[in-house]
Amino acid sequence: MDFEIKSDKRNELLSRREVKFTLKYDGATPSRMQIIGKICALLNVKEQQVVLDSLKSSFGKMEINGDVRIYDNEEGKKKTERAHLMERGMPKPKQEGAA
């Protein structure tokens, strides 16, 4: 995976960074968890502070354009983000007793 950050803006009103990026990859499309992990490693932030908003790909290209928001703390994230965006891309809890 090859990341290129298109823009990195600071939103002081909501205490967050708003990052637009382009991801080039080979093979299968990476999962949201893989993308979040790579962003956290590149920007040196915790996964709990990151919300991956949108991913857009074009037919026939091995390229994804996306938006991510990085909050200063988890409280700010919980106040402003929608619940379904915070849950999306997070690992699902394991079901006990599933066979």
PDB file of N, CA and C in Angstrom:
ATOM      1  N   MET A   1       0.847  -1.183   0.000  1.00  0.00           N
ATOM      2  CA  MET A   1       0.000   0.000   0.000  1.00  0.00           C
ATOM      3  C   MET A   1       0.883   1.234   0.000  1.00  0.00           C
ATOM      4  N   ASP A   2       0.486   2.175  -0.826  1.00  0.00           N
ATOM      5  CA  ASP A   2       1.250   3.400  -0.964  1.00  0.00           C
ATOM      6  C   ASP A   2       0.328   4.585  -0.697  1.00  0.00           C
ATOM      7  N   PHE A   3       0.562   5.307   0.414  1.00  0.00           N
ATOM      8  CA  PHE A   3      -0.271   6.441   0.797  1.00  0.00           C
ATOM      9  C   PHE A   3       0.304   7.738   0.279  1.00  0.00           C
ATOM     10  N   GLU A   4      -0.602   8.628  -0.134  1.00  0.00           N
ATOM     11  CA  GLU A   4      -0.225   9.991  -0.472  1.00  0.00           C
ATOM     12  C   GLU A   4      -1.254  10.909   0.177  1.00  0.00           C
ATOM     13  N   ILE A   5      -0.816  11.789   1.047  1.00  0.00           N
ATOM     14  CA  ILE A   5      -1.719  12.711   1.725  1.00  0.00           C
ATOM     15  C   ILE A   5      -1.922  13.927   0.834  1.00  0.00           C
ATOM     16  N   LYS A   6      -3.185  14.163   0.473  1.00  0.00           N
ATOM     17  CA  LYS A   6      -3.535  15.280  -0.412  1.00  0.00           C
ATOM     18  C   LYS A   6      -3.680  16.581   0.372  1.00  0.00           C
ATOM     19  N   SER A   7      -4.346  16.511   1.529  1.00  0.00           N
ATOM     20  CA  SER A   7      -4.476  17.705   2.360  1.00  0.00           C
ATOM     21  C   SER A   7      -4.567  17.291   3.823  1.00  0.00           C
ATOM     22  N   ASP A   8      -4.088  18.148   4.682  1.00  0.00           N
ATOM     23  CA  ASP A   8      -4.100  17.912   6.122  1.00  0.00           C
ATOM     24  C   ASP A   8      -4.436  19.246   6.783  1.00  0.00           C
ATOM     25  N   LYS A   9      -5.709  19.408   7.164  1.00  0.00           N
ATOM     26  CA  LYS A   9      -6.171  20.671   7.730  1.00  0.00           C
ATOM     27  C   LYS A   9      -6.528  20.481   9.203  1.00  0.00           C
ATOM     28  N   ARG A  10      -6.346  21.519   9.959  1.00  0.00           N
ATOM     29  CA  ARG A  10      -6.681  21.520  11.384  1.00  0.00           C
ATOM     30  C   ARG A  10      -8.011  22.248  11.568  1.00  0.00           C
ATOM     31  N   ASN A  11      -8.964  21.624  12.263  1.00  0.00           N
ATOM     32  CA  ASN A  11     -10.246  22.232  12.581  1.00  0.00           C
ATOM     33  C   ASN A  11     -10.269  22.461  14.085  1.00  0.00           C
ATOM     34  N   GLU A  12      -9.928  23.676  14.502  1.00  0.00           N
ATOM     35  CA  GLU A  12      -9.834  24.002  15.929  1.00  0.00           C
ATOM     36  C   GLU A  12     -11.189  23.983  16.610  1.00  0.00           C
ATOM     37  N   LEU A  13     -12.243  24.337  15.886  1.00  0.00           N
ATOM     38  CA  LEU A  13     -13.569  24.389  16.479  1.00  0.00           C
ATOM     39  C   LEU A  13     -14.003  23.018  16.991  1.00  0.00           C
ATOM     40  N   LEU A  14     -13.671  21.957  16.238  1.00  0.00           N
ATOM     41  CA  LEU A  14     -14.052  20.601  16.632  1.00  0.00           C
ATOM     42  C   LEU A  14     -12.882  19.796  17.186  1.00  0.00           C
ATOM     43  N   SER A  15     -11.738  20.420  17.377  1.00  0.00           N
ATOM     44  CA  SER A  15     -10.538  19.776  17.937  1.00  0.00           C
ATOM     45  C   SER A  15     -10.147  18.519  17.171  1.00  0.00           C
ATOM     46  N   ARG A  16      -9.959  18.680  15.871  1.00  0.00           N
ATOM     47  CA  ARG A  16      -9.592  17.527  15.051  1.00  0.00           C
ATOM     48  C   ARG A  16      -8.785  17.945  13.833  1.00  0.00           C
ATOM     49  N   ARG A  17      -8.135  16.945  13.243  1.00  0.00           N
ATOM     50  CA  ARG A  17      -7.454  17.105  11.955  1.00  0.00           C
ATOM     51  C   ARG A  17      -8.300  16.434  10.896  1.00  0.00           C
ATOM     52  N   GLU A  18      -8.397  17.049   9.734  1.00  0.00           N
ATOM     53  CA  GLU A  18      -9.150  16.482   8.623  1.00  0.00           C
ATOM     54  C   GLU A  18      -8.156  16.204   7.496  1.00  0.00           C
ATOM     55  N   VAL A  19      -8.008  14.920   7.178  1.00  0.00           N
ATOM     56  CA  VAL A  19      -6.985  14.490   6.227  1.00  0.00           C
ATOM     57  C   VAL A  19      -7.658  13.842   5.022  1.00  0.00           C
ATOM     58  N   LYS A  20      -7.250  14.264   3.828  1.00  0.00           N
ATOM     59  CA  LYS A  20      -7.675  13.623   2.580  1.00  0.00           C
ATOM     60  C   LYS A  20      -6.460  12.902   2.021  1.00  0.00           C
ATOM     61  N   PHE A  21      -6.676  11.661   1.535  1.00  0.00           N
ATOM     62  CA  PHE A  21      -5.551  10.857   1.080  1.00  0.00           C
ATOM     63  C   PHE A  21      -5.907  10.063  -0.160  1.00  0.00           C
ATOM     64  N   THR A  22      -4.861   9.584  -0.825  1.00  0.00           N
ATOM     65  CA  THR A  22      -4.990   8.652  -1.936  1.00  0.00           C
ATOM     66  C   THR A  22      -4.169   7.431  -1.584  1.00  0.00           C
ATOM     67  N   LEU A  23      -4.757   6.269  -1.763  1.00  0.00           N
ATOM     68  CA  LEU A  23      -4.109   4.995  -1.451  1.00  0.00           C
ATOM     69  C   LEU A  23      -4.003   4.188  -2.729  1.00  0.00           C
ATOM     70  N   LYS A  24      -2.796   3.787  -3.082  1.00  0.00           N
ATOM     71  CA  LYS A  24      -2.582   2.901  -4.225  1.00  0.00           C
ATOM     72  C   LYS A  24      -2.186   1.539  -3.685  1.00  0.00           C
ATOM     73  N   TYR A  25      -2.781   0.487  -4.231  1.00  0.00           N
ATOM     74  CA  TYR A  25      -2.567  -0.860  -3.710  1.00  0.00           C
ATOM     75  C   TYR A  25      -2.474  -1.862  -4.852  1.00  0.00           C
ATOM     76  N   ASP A  26      -1.970  -3.034  -4.539  1.00  0.00           N
ATOM     77  CA  ASP A  26      -1.911  -4.152  -5.471  1.00  0.00           C
ATOM     78  C   ASP A  26      -2.738  -5.287  -4.902  1.00  0.00           C
ATOM     79  N   GLY A  27      -3.395  -6.034  -5.769  1.00  0.00           N
ATOM     80  CA  GLY A  27      -4.164  -7.187  -5.306  1.00  0.00           C
ATOM     81  C   GLY A  27      -5.536  -6.785  -4.817  1.00  0.00           C
ATOM     82  N   ALA A  28      -5.992  -7.446  -3.759  1.00  0.00           N
ATOM     83  CA  ALA A  28      -7.326  -7.206  -3.220  1.00  0.00           C
ATOM     84  C   ALA A  28      -7.420  -5.833  -2.557  1.00  0.00           C
ATOM     85  N   THR A  29      -8.623  -5.292  -2.562  1.00  0.00           N
ATOM     86  CA  THR A  29      -8.867  -4.009  -1.911  1.00  0.00           C
ATOM     87  C   THR A  29      -8.656  -4.154  -0.406  1.00  0.00           C
ATOM     88  N   PRO A  30      -7.869  -3.276   0.202  1.00  0.00           N
ATOM     89  CA  PRO A  30      -7.625  -3.375   1.644  1.00  0.00           C
ATOM     90  C   PRO A  30      -8.898  -3.089   2.444  1.00  0.00           C
ATOM     91  N   SER A  31      -9.009  -3.720   3.602  1.00  0.00           N
ATOM     92  CA  SER A  31     -10.169  -3.504   4.470  1.00  0.00           C
ATOM     93  C   SER A  31     -10.048  -2.159   5.185  1.00  0.00           C
ATOM     94  N   ARG A  32     -11.153  -1.725   5.768  1.00  0.00           N
ATOM     95  CA  ARG A  32     -11.149  -0.472   6.524  1.00  0.00           C
ATOM     96  C   ARG A  32     -10.178  -0.546   7.700  1.00  0.00           C
ATOM     97  N   MET A  33     -10.094  -1.702   8.357  1.00  0.00           N
ATOM     98  CA  MET A  33      -9.166  -1.867   9.487  1.00  0.00           C
ATOM     99  C   MET A  33      -7.718  -1.747   9.029  1.00  0.00           C
ATOM    100  N   GLN A  34      -7.388  -2.304   7.867  1.00  0.00           N
ATOM    101  CA  GLN A  34      -6.024  -2.191   7.348  1.00  0.00           C
ATOM    102  C   GLN A  34      -5.692  -0.737   7.030  1.00  0.00           C
ATOM    103  N   ILE A  35      -6.649  -0.022   6.445  1.00  0.00           N
ATOM    104  CA  ILE A  35      -6.426   1.383   6.100  1.00  0.00           C
ATOM    105  C   ILE A  35      -6.263   2.224   7.361  1.00  0.00           C
ATOM    106  N   ILE A  36      -7.114   2.001   8.364  1.00  0.00           N
ATOM    107  CA  ILE A  36      -7.008   2.743   9.624  1.00  0.00           C
ATOM    108  C   ILE A  36      -5.667   2.448  10.294  1.00  0.00           C
ATOM    109  N   GLY A  37      -5.253   1.185  10.296  1.00  0.00           N
ATOM    110  CA  GLY A  37      -3.966   0.819  10.891  1.00  0.00           C
ATOM    111  C   GLY A  37      -2.797   1.508  10.209  1.00  0.00           C
ATOM    112  N   LYS A  38      -2.836   1.576   8.895  1.00  0.00           N
ATOM    113  CA  LYS A  38      -1.757   2.227   8.144  1.00  0.00           C
ATOM    114  C   LYS A  38      -1.735   3.733   8.410  1.00  0.00           C
ATOM    115  N   ILE A  39      -2.907   4.362   8.454  1.00  0.00           N
ATOM    116  CA  ILE A  39      -2.986   5.798   8.732  1.00  0.00           C
ATOM    117  C   ILE A  39      -2.450   6.099  10.127  1.00  0.00           C
ATOM    118  N   CYS A  40      -2.833   5.270  11.101  1.00  0.00           N
ATOM    119  CA  CYS A  40      -2.361   5.466  12.477  1.00  0.00           C
ATOM    120  C   CYS A  40      -0.851   5.341  12.559  1.00  0.00           C
ATOM    121  N   ALA A  41      -0.290   4.395  11.825  1.00  0.00           N
ATOM    122  CA  ALA A  41       1.160   4.213  11.839  1.00  0.00           C
ATOM    123  C   ALA A  41       1.862   5.392  11.174  1.00  0.00           C
ATOM    124  N   LEU A  42       1.321   5.881  10.068  1.00  0.00           N
ATOM    125  CA  LEU A  42       1.957   6.990   9.357  1.00  0.00           C
ATOM    126  C   LEU A  42       1.873   8.309  10.114  1.00  0.00           C
ATOM    127  N   LEU A  43       0.720   8.568  10.726  1.00  0.00           N
ATOM    128  CA  LEU A  43       0.505   9.853  11.386  1.00  0.00           C
ATOM    129  C   LEU A  43       0.747   9.808  12.890  1.00  0.00           C
ATOM    130  N   ASN A  44       1.121   8.623  13.407  1.00  0.00           N
ATOM    131  CA  ASN A  44       1.465   8.444  14.813  1.00  0.00           C
ATOM    132  C   ASN A  44       0.317   8.846  15.744  1.00  0.00           C
ATOM    133  N   VAL A  45      -0.862   8.240  15.502  1.00  0.00           N
ATOM    134  CA  VAL A  45      -2.036   8.480  16.346  1.00  0.00           C
ATOM    135  C   VAL A  45      -2.623   7.139  16.774  1.00  0.00           C
ATOM    136  N   LYS A  46      -3.528   7.185  17.763  1.00  0.00           N
ATOM    137  CA  LYS A  46      -4.183   5.971  18.251  1.00  0.00           C
ATOM    138  C   LYS A  46      -5.426   5.680  17.417  1.00  0.00           C
ATOM    139  N   GLU A  47      -5.761   4.390  17.291  1.00  0.00           N
ATOM    140  CA  GLU A  47      -6.924   3.986  16.502  1.00  0.00           C
ATOM    141  C   GLU A  47      -8.231   4.505  17.090  1.00  0.00           C
ATOM    142  N   GLN A  48      -8.294   4.708  18.403  1.00  0.00           N
ATOM    143  CA  GLN A  48      -9.512   5.175  19.048  1.00  0.00           C
ATOM    144  C   GLN A  48      -9.830   6.623  18.689  1.00  0.00           C
ATOM    145  N   GLN A  49      -8.858   7.362  18.167  1.00  0.00           N
ATOM    146  CA  GLN A  49      -9.052   8.766  17.833  1.00  0.00           C
ATOM    147  C   GLN A  49      -9.388   8.977  16.363  1.00  0.00           C
ATOM    148  N   VAL A  50      -9.422   7.911  15.568  1.00  0.00           N
ATOM    149  CA  VAL A  50      -9.559   8.018  14.123  1.00  0.00           C
ATOM    150  C   VAL A  50     -10.945   7.577  13.670  1.00  0.00           C
ATOM    151  N   VAL A  51     -11.539   8.369  12.741  1.00  0.00           N
ATOM    152  CA  VAL A  51     -12.788   7.991  12.084  1.00  0.00           C
ATOM    153  C   VAL A  51     -12.551   8.061  10.583  1.00  0.00           C
ATOM    154  N   LEU A  52     -12.714   6.929   9.921  1.00  0.00           N
ATOM    155  CA  LEU A  52     -12.578   6.852   8.472  1.00  0.00           C
ATOM    156  C   LEU A  52     -13.935   7.151   7.880  1.00  0.00           C
ATOM    157  N   ASP A  53     -14.065   8.325   7.250  1.00  0.00           N
ATOM    158  CA  ASP A  53     -15.365   8.790   6.784  1.00  0.00           C
ATOM    159  C   ASP A  53     -15.770   8.140   5.473  1.00  0.00           C
ATOM    160  N   SER A  54     -15.021   8.368   4.418  1.00  0.00           N
ATOM    161  CA  SER A  54     -15.439   7.857   3.117  1.00  0.00           C
ATOM    162  C   SER A  54     -14.262   7.279   2.355  1.00  0.00           C
ATOM    163  N   LEU A  55     -14.579   6.300   1.541  1.00  0.00           N
ATOM    164  CA  LEU A  55     -13.618   5.695   0.625  1.00  0.00           C
ATOM    165  C   LEU A  55     -14.267   5.657  -0.750  1.00  0.00           C
ATOM    166  N   LYS A  56     -13.570   6.170  -1.750  1.00  0.00           N
ATOM    167  CA  LYS A  56     -14.114   6.182  -3.101  1.00  0.00           C
ATOM    168  C   LYS A  56     -13.080   5.583  -4.047  1.00  0.00           C
ATOM    169  N   SER A  57     -13.520   4.611  -4.825  1.00  0.00           N
ATOM    170  CA  SER A  57     -12.620   4.006  -5.795  1.00  0.00           C
ATOM    171  C   SER A  57     -13.225   4.128  -7.177  1.00  0.00           C
ATOM    172  N   SER A  58     -12.371   4.095  -8.184  1.00  0.00           N
ATOM    173  CA  SER A  58     -12.814   4.164  -9.573  1.00  0.00           C
ATOM    174  C   SER A  58     -12.666   2.798 -10.206  1.00  0.00           C
ATOM    175  N   PHE A  59     -13.570   2.465 -11.097  1.00  0.00           N
ATOM    176  CA  PHE A  59     -13.541   1.179 -11.762  1.00  0.00           C
ATOM    177  C   PHE A  59     -12.257   1.032 -12.572  1.00  0.00           C
ATOM    178  N   GLY A  60     -11.584  -0.094 -12.390  1.00  0.00           N
ATOM    179  CA  GLY A  60     -10.389  -0.391 -13.158  1.00  0.00           C
ATOM    180  C   GLY A  60      -9.109   0.182 -12.603  1.00  0.00           C
ATOM    181  N   LYS A  61      -9.184   0.960 -11.557  1.00  0.00           N
ATOM    182  CA  LYS A  61      -7.983   1.543 -10.949  1.00  0.00           C
ATOM    183  C   LYS A  61      -7.712   0.872  -9.618  1.00  0.00           C
ATOM    184  N   MET A  62      -6.457   0.709  -9.301  1.00  0.00           N
ATOM    185  CA  MET A  62      -6.056   0.188  -7.997  1.00  0.00           C
ATOM    186  C   MET A  62      -5.740   1.382  -7.106  1.00  0.00           C
ATOM    187  N   GLU A  63      -6.763   2.235  -6.898  1.00  0.00           N
ATOM    188  CA  GLU A  63      -6.563   3.486  -6.185  1.00  0.00           C
ATOM    189  C   GLU A  63      -7.838   3.841  -5.436  1.00  0.00           C
ATOM    190  N   ILE A  64      -7.682   4.318  -4.215  1.00  0.00           N
ATOM    191  CA  ILE A  64      -8.807   4.739  -3.373  1.00  0.00           C
ATOM    192  C   ILE A  64      -8.532   6.158  -2.894  1.00  0.00           C
ATOM    193  N   ASN A  65      -9.554   7.016  -2.982  1.00  0.00           N
ATOM    194  CA  ASN A  65      -9.496   8.344  -2.390  1.00  0.00           C
ATOM    195  C   ASN A  65     -10.352   8.308  -1.134  1.00  0.00           C
ATOM    196  N   GLY A  66      -9.845   8.866  -0.046  1.00  0.00           N
ATOM    197  CA  GLY A  66     -10.579   8.789   1.206  1.00  0.00           C
ATOM    198  C   GLY A  66     -10.406  10.011   2.083  1.00  0.00           C
ATOM    199  N   ASP A  67     -11.291  10.093   3.078  1.00  0.00           N
ATOM    200  CA  ASP A  67     -11.270  11.157   4.077  1.00  0.00           C
ATOM    201  C   ASP A  67     -11.205  10.517   5.456  1.00  0.00           C
ATOM    202  N   VAL A  68     -10.386  11.078   6.320  1.00  0.00           N
ATOM    203  CA  VAL A  68     -10.274  10.588   7.685  1.00  0.00           C
ATOM    204  C   VAL A  68     -10.225  11.790   8.625  1.00  0.00           C
ATOM    205  N   ARG A  69     -10.831  11.617   9.806  1.00  0.00           N
ATOM    206  CA  ARG A  69     -10.806  12.661  10.827  1.00  0.00           C
ATOM    207  C   ARG A  69     -10.094  12.104  12.045  1.00  0.00           C
ATOM    208  N   ILE A  70      -9.146  12.884  12.564  1.00  0.00           N
ATOM    209  CA  ILE A  70      -8.347  12.471  13.714  1.00  0.00           C
ATOM    210  C   ILE A  70      -8.610  13.457  14.848  1.00  0.00           C
ATOM    211  N   TYR A  71      -9.195  12.959  15.925  1.00  0.00           N
ATOM    212  CA  TYR A  71      -9.576  13.797  17.060  1.00  0.00           C
ATOM    213  C   TYR A  71      -8.452  13.867  18.089  1.00  0.00           C
ATOM    214  N   ASP A  72      -8.441  14.949  18.866  1.00  0.00           N
ATOM    215  CA  ASP A  72      -7.447  15.118  19.923  1.00  0.00           C
ATOM    216  C   ASP A  72      -7.683  14.137  21.069  1.00  0.00           C
ATOM    217  N   ASN A  73      -8.950  13.808  21.335  1.00  0.00           N
ATOM    218  CA  ASN A  73      -9.288  12.855  22.394  1.00  0.00           C
ATOM    219  C   ASN A  73     -10.586  12.136  22.037  1.00  0.00           C
ATOM    220  N   GLU A  74     -10.876  11.062  22.763  1.00  0.00           N
ATOM    221  CA  GLU A  74     -12.062  10.251  22.478  1.00  0.00           C
ATOM    222  C   GLU A  74     -13.360  10.969  22.849  1.00  0.00           C
ATOM    223  N   GLU A  75     -13.321  11.854  23.840  1.00  0.00           N
ATOM    224  CA  GLU A  75     -14.528  12.575  24.239  1.00  0.00           C
ATOM    225  C   GLU A  75     -15.015  13.473  23.107  1.00  0.00           C
ATOM    226  N   GLY A  76     -14.101  14.159  22.455  1.00  0.00           N
ATOM    227  CA  GLY A  76     -14.467  15.007  21.323  1.00  0.00           C
ATOM    228  C   GLY A  76     -15.035  14.200  20.172  1.00  0.00           C
ATOM    229  N   LYS A  77     -14.494  13.029  19.972  1.00  0.00           N
ATOM    230  CA  LYS A  77     -14.987  12.140  18.916  1.00  0.00           C
ATOM    231  C   LYS A  77     -16.419  11.709  19.213  1.00  0.00           C
ATOM    232  N   LYS A  78     -16.690  11.322  20.458  1.00  0.00           N
ATOM    233  CA  LYS A  78     -18.027  10.853  20.832  1.00  0.00           C
ATOM    234  C   LYS A  78     -19.061  11.967  20.759  1.00  0.00           C
ATOM    235  N   LYS A  79     -18.649  13.215  21.002  1.00  0.00           N
ATOM    236  CA  LYS A  79     -19.587  14.340  20.964  1.00  0.00           C
ATOM    237  C   LYS A  79     -20.026  14.674  19.540  1.00  0.00           C
ATOM    238  N   THR A  80     -19.132  14.554  18.568  1.00  0.00           N
ATOM    239  CA  THR A  80     -19.443  15.062  17.238  1.00  0.00           C
ATOM    240  C   THR A  80     -19.727  13.994  16.183  1.00  0.00           C
ATOM    241  N   GLU A  81     -19.175  12.811  16.322  1.00  0.00           N
ATOM    242  CA  GLU A  81     -19.330  11.796  15.273  1.00  0.00           C
ATOM    243  C   GLU A  81     -20.632  11.020  15.405  1.00  0.00           C
ATOM    244  N   ARG A  82     -21.129  10.586  14.252  1.00  0.00           N
ATOM    245  CA  ARG A  82     -22.319   9.736  14.225  1.00  0.00           C
ATOM    246  C   ARG A  82     -21.928   8.324  14.640  1.00  0.00           C
ATOM    247  N   ALA A  83     -22.844   7.636  15.311  1.00  0.00           N
ATOM    248  CA  ALA A  83     -22.545   6.324  15.891  1.00  0.00           C
ATOM    249  C   ALA A  83     -22.157   5.294  14.840  1.00  0.00           C
ATOM    250  N   HIS A  84     -22.832   5.300  13.700  1.00  0.00           N
ATOM    251  CA  HIS A  84     -22.527   4.268  12.699  1.00  0.00           C
ATOM    252  C   HIS A  84     -21.140   4.460  12.088  1.00  0.00           C
ATOM    253  N   LEU A  85     -20.638   5.685  12.033  1.00  0.00           N
ATOM    254  CA  LEU A  85     -19.282   5.899  11.525  1.00  0.00           C
ATOM    255  C   LEU A  85     -18.230   5.457  12.528  1.00  0.00           C
ATOM    256  N   MET A  86     -18.522   5.608  13.828  1.00  0.00           N
ATOM    257  CA  MET A  86     -17.564   5.177  14.833  1.00  0.00           C
ATOM    258  C   MET A  86     -17.472   3.657  14.884  1.00  0.00           C
ATOM    259  N   GLU A  87     -18.585   2.966  14.646  1.00  0.00           N
ATOM    260  CA  GLU A  87     -18.589   1.503  14.682  1.00  0.00           C
ATOM    261  C   GLU A  87     -18.007   0.888  13.418  1.00  0.00           C
ATOM    262  N   ARG A  88     -18.175   1.574  12.292  1.00  0.00           N
ATOM    263  CA  ARG A  88     -17.722   1.039  11.017  1.00  0.00           C
ATOM    264  C   ARG A  88     -16.203   0.933  10.997  1.00  0.00           C
ATOM    265  N   GLY A  89     -15.720  -0.202  10.603  1.00  0.00           N
ATOM    266  CA  GLY A  89     -14.290  -0.396  10.504  1.00  0.00           C
ATOM    267  C   GLY A  89     -13.627  -0.893  11.770  1.00  0.00           C
ATOM    268  N   MET A  90     -14.363  -0.936  12.880  1.00  0.00           N
ATOM    269  CA  MET A  90     -13.810  -1.463  14.117  1.00  0.00           C
ATOM    270  C   MET A  90     -14.018  -2.973  14.156  1.00  0.00           C
ATOM    271  N   PRO A  91     -13.134  -3.716  14.795  1.00  0.00           N
ATOM    272  CA  PRO A  91     -13.324  -5.171  14.853  1.00  0.00           C
ATOM    273  C   PRO A  91     -14.582  -5.529  15.631  1.00  0.00           C
ATOM    274  N   LYS A  92     -15.299  -6.523  15.122  1.00  0.00           N
ATOM    275  CA  LYS A  92     -16.528  -6.961  15.776  1.00  0.00           C
ATOM    276  C   LYS A  92     -16.173  -7.860  16.953  1.00  0.00           C
ATOM    277  N   PRO A  93     -16.920  -7.757  18.067  1.00  0.00           N
ATOM    278  CA  PRO A  93     -16.640  -8.624  19.211  1.00  0.00           C
ATOM    279  C   PRO A  93     -16.917 -10.083  18.842  1.00  0.00           C
ATOM    280  N   LYS A  94     -16.099 -10.965  19.364  1.00  0.00           N
ATOM    281  CA  LYS A  94     -16.239 -12.402  19.091  1.00  0.00           C
ATOM    282  C   LYS A  94     -17.484 -12.924  19.808  1.00  0.00           C
ATOM    283  N   GLN A  95     -18.245 -13.752  19.113  1.00  0.00           N
ATOM    284  CA  GLN A  95     -19.426 -14.385  19.690  1.00  0.00           C
ATOM    285  C   GLN A  95     -19.004 -15.666  20.401  1.00  0.00           C
ATOM    286  N   GLU A  96     -19.363 -15.788  21.651  1.00  0.00           N
ATOM    287  CA  GLU A  96     -19.032 -17.005  22.402  1.00  0.00           C
ATOM    288  C   GLU A  96     -20.078 -18.059  22.119  1.00  0.00           C
ATOM    289  N   GLY A  97     -19.621 -19.294  21.999  1.00  0.00           N
ATOM    290  CA  GLY A  97     -20.527 -20.396  21.787  1.00  0.00           C
ATOM    291  C   GLY A  97     -20.916 -20.592  20.323  1.00  0.00           C
ATOM    292  N   ALA A  98     -20.351 -19.819  19.427  1.00  0.00           N
ATOM    293  CA  ALA A  98     -20.650 -19.986  17.999  1.00  0.00           C
ATOM    294  C   ALA A  98     -19.849 -21.165  17.486  1.00  0.00           C
ATOM    295  N   ALA A  99     -20.525 -22.044  16.753  1.00  0.00           N
ATOM    296  CA  ALA A  99     -19.840 -23.239  16.272  1.00  0.00           C
ATOM    297  C   ALA A  99     -19.677 -23.228  14.802  1.00  0.00           C
TER     298      ALA A  99
END
